Structures are given as C-alpha cells and as structure tokens.
Amino acid sequence: MSERLKRANWVQNIIHNPKILSTVNEKTFEGIARLVELMSTKYEWDRGLIVEITPS
C-alpha cells in the first residue's frame, strides 16, 4: 500500500514497468504488479493506494 498514492517513486516505477522482483527471507520472486484503484469507488476506502502483486 502506498500512503503517498501515485506520488511514490516505487508506484511510478510500477506504472512504467509492472514487472517486479521481491525478496523474502533471502528468496527472490518475480511478479507483476498492478494498481487497485477502485477501492475508493467500490468500498469508500481511500487511505492509500493498494498494489496487487501476482507471481509470474
């Protein structure tokens, strides 16, 4: 979740290239990230921008 919404540098990176690498416990995973922008419209929740990561 990005509290700075689309102003965050890492969110700008995802907008330009959704392919990501994530490391957890010294294991690296590849994935695709996407912005979930309907949260405020559908659920009236707007405290941050949700980013979904799907393993590839």
N, C-alpha and C. Protein backbone atom coordinates (compact mmCIF):
# COMPACT_ATOMS: atom_id res chain seq x y z
N MET A 1 0.84 -1.17 0.00
CA MET A 1 0.00 0.00 0.00
C MET A 1 0.89 1.24 0.00
N SER A 2 0.52 2.18 -0.83
CA SER A 2 1.27 3.43 -0.93
C SER A 2 0.49 4.55 -0.26
N GLU A 3 1.01 5.06 0.83
CA GLU A 3 0.36 6.19 1.51
C GLU A 3 0.54 7.48 0.71
N ARG A 4 1.55 7.53 -0.14
CA ARG A 4 1.77 8.72 -0.98
C ARG A 4 1.05 8.59 -2.32
N LEU A 5 0.22 7.56 -2.45
CA LEU A 5 -0.54 7.31 -3.67
C LEU A 5 0.39 7.23 -4.88
N LYS A 6 0.02 7.84 -6.00
CA LYS A 6 0.84 7.75 -7.21
C LYS A 6 2.09 8.62 -7.17
N ARG A 7 2.25 9.40 -6.11
CA ARG A 7 3.44 10.24 -5.99
C ARG A 7 4.67 9.44 -5.55
N ALA A 8 4.48 8.25 -5.02
CA ALA A 8 5.60 7.43 -4.55
C ALA A 8 6.44 6.97 -5.74
N ASN A 9 7.75 7.02 -5.59
CA ASN A 9 8.65 6.61 -6.68
C ASN A 9 8.42 5.16 -7.10
N TRP A 10 8.22 4.28 -6.13
CA TRP A 10 8.05 2.87 -6.49
C TRP A 10 6.74 2.64 -7.23
N VAL A 11 5.72 3.44 -6.97
CA VAL A 11 4.46 3.33 -7.71
C VAL A 11 4.68 3.83 -9.14
N GLN A 12 5.43 4.92 -9.30
CA GLN A 12 5.76 5.41 -10.65
C GLN A 12 6.52 4.34 -11.43
N ASN A 13 7.42 3.62 -10.77
CA ASN A 13 8.15 2.54 -11.43
C ASN A 13 7.19 1.45 -11.91
N ILE A 14 6.22 1.08 -11.10
CA ILE A 14 5.24 0.06 -11.48
C ILE A 14 4.39 0.53 -12.66
N ILE A 15 4.03 1.80 -12.67
CA ILE A 15 3.24 2.34 -13.78
C ILE A 15 4.02 2.21 -15.09
N HIS A 16 5.32 2.45 -15.05
CA HIS A 16 6.14 2.38 -16.26
C HIS A 16 6.55 0.96 -16.62
N ASN A 17 6.68 0.10 -15.62
CA ASN A 17 7.07 -1.30 -15.87
C ASN A 17 6.54 -2.14 -14.73
N PRO A 18 5.47 -2.92 -14.95
CA PRO A 18 4.85 -3.67 -13.87
C PRO A 18 5.60 -4.93 -13.42
N LYS A 19 6.68 -5.30 -14.11
CA LYS A 19 7.45 -6.47 -13.69
C LYS A 19 8.24 -6.11 -12.44
N ILE A 20 8.16 -6.99 -11.42
CA ILE A 20 8.85 -6.71 -10.16
C ILE A 20 9.68 -7.90 -9.71
N LEU A 21 10.64 -7.64 -8.86
CA LEU A 21 11.38 -8.65 -8.13
C LEU A 21 11.19 -8.34 -6.66
N SER A 22 10.86 -9.37 -5.88
CA SER A 22 10.66 -9.19 -4.45
C SER A 22 11.46 -10.24 -3.71
N THR A 23 12.12 -9.83 -2.65
CA THR A 23 12.93 -10.76 -1.86
C THR A 23 12.32 -10.91 -0.47
N VAL A 24 12.08 -12.18 -0.09
CA VAL A 24 11.55 -12.50 1.23
C VAL A 24 12.39 -13.65 1.78
N ASN A 25 12.96 -13.46 2.96
CA ASN A 25 13.79 -14.49 3.59
C ASN A 25 14.86 -15.02 2.63
N GLU A 26 15.54 -14.10 1.97
CA GLU A 26 16.65 -14.42 1.06
C GLU A 26 16.22 -15.18 -0.19
N LYS A 27 14.91 -15.29 -0.47
CA LYS A 27 14.43 -15.89 -1.72
C LYS A 27 13.86 -14.77 -2.57
N THR A 28 14.20 -14.77 -3.85
CA THR A 28 13.73 -13.73 -4.75
C THR A 28 12.64 -14.30 -5.66
N PHE A 29 11.56 -13.54 -5.81
CA PHE A 29 10.41 -13.94 -6.62
C PHE A 29 10.17 -12.90 -7.70
N GLU A 30 9.75 -13.37 -8.87
CA GLU A 30 9.35 -12.47 -9.95
C GLU A 30 7.83 -12.34 -9.92
N GLY A 31 7.34 -11.19 -10.34
CA GLY A 31 5.90 -11.00 -10.36
C GLY A 31 5.50 -9.82 -11.22
N ILE A 32 4.20 -9.62 -11.28
CA ILE A 32 3.61 -8.49 -11.99
C ILE A 32 2.79 -7.71 -10.96
N ALA A 33 2.98 -6.40 -10.95
CA ALA A 33 2.24 -5.55 -10.01
C ALA A 33 1.20 -4.73 -10.77
N ARG A 34 0.10 -4.47 -10.10
CA ARG A 34 -0.92 -3.60 -10.69
C ARG A 34 -1.55 -2.76 -9.59
N LEU A 35 -1.96 -1.58 -9.96
CA LEU A 35 -2.61 -0.68 -9.02
C LEU A 35 -4.09 -1.04 -8.93
N VAL A 36 -4.59 -1.10 -7.71
CA VAL A 36 -6.01 -1.38 -7.48
C VAL A 36 -6.65 -0.04 -7.12
N GLU A 37 -7.19 0.62 -8.14
CA GLU A 37 -7.67 1.99 -7.95
C GLU A 37 -9.15 2.09 -7.64
N LEU A 38 -9.87 1.01 -7.63
CA LEU A 38 -11.32 1.07 -7.40
C LEU A 38 -11.69 0.99 -5.93
N MET A 39 -10.72 0.94 -5.04
CA MET A 39 -11.03 0.81 -3.62
C MET A 39 -11.91 1.95 -3.12
N SER A 40 -11.59 3.19 -3.50
CA SER A 40 -12.38 4.32 -3.00
C SER A 40 -13.76 4.35 -3.62
N THR A 41 -13.87 3.96 -4.88
CA THR A 41 -15.18 3.96 -5.55
C THR A 41 -16.07 2.85 -5.02
N LYS A 42 -15.52 1.64 -4.94
CA LYS A 42 -16.33 0.48 -4.56
C LYS A 42 -16.55 0.37 -3.06
N TYR A 43 -15.49 0.65 -2.28
CA TYR A 43 -15.56 0.41 -0.83
C TYR A 43 -15.50 1.68 0.01
N GLU A 44 -15.42 2.83 -0.64
CA GLU A 44 -15.32 4.12 0.06
C GLU A 44 -14.12 4.13 1.01
N TRP A 45 -13.03 3.56 0.58
CA TRP A 45 -11.79 3.48 1.36
C TRP A 45 -10.70 4.18 0.57
N ASP A 46 -10.09 5.21 1.15
CA ASP A 46 -9.11 5.97 0.39
C ASP A 46 -7.89 6.37 1.22
N ARG A 47 -7.45 5.52 2.09
CA ARG A 47 -6.30 5.85 2.95
C ARG A 47 -4.97 5.46 2.32
N GLY A 48 -4.98 4.97 1.12
CA GLY A 48 -3.75 4.61 0.44
C GLY A 48 -4.07 3.92 -0.86
N LEU A 49 -3.07 3.77 -1.70
CA LEU A 49 -3.22 3.10 -2.98
C LEU A 49 -2.78 1.66 -2.81
N ILE A 50 -3.68 0.74 -3.06
CA ILE A 50 -3.37 -0.68 -2.94
C ILE A 50 -2.65 -1.16 -4.21
N VAL A 51 -1.61 -1.96 -4.03
CA VAL A 51 -0.89 -2.54 -5.15
C VAL A 51 -0.97 -4.06 -5.00
N GLU A 52 -1.46 -4.72 -6.04
CA GLU A 52 -1.56 -6.18 -6.05
C GLU A 52 -0.35 -6.75 -6.77
N ILE A 53 0.27 -7.77 -6.19
CA ILE A 53 1.40 -8.44 -6.81
C ILE A 53 1.02 -9.89 -7.09
N THR A 54 1.16 -10.28 -8.36
CA THR A 54 0.84 -11.64 -8.78
C THR A 54 2.15 -12.33 -9.19
N PRO A 55 2.46 -13.50 -8.64
CA PRO A 55 3.67 -14.21 -9.05
C PRO A 55 3.61 -14.57 -10.54
N SER A 56 4.75 -14.52 -11.19
CA SER A 56 4.78 -14.91 -12.61
C SER A 56 5.56 -16.19 -12.79
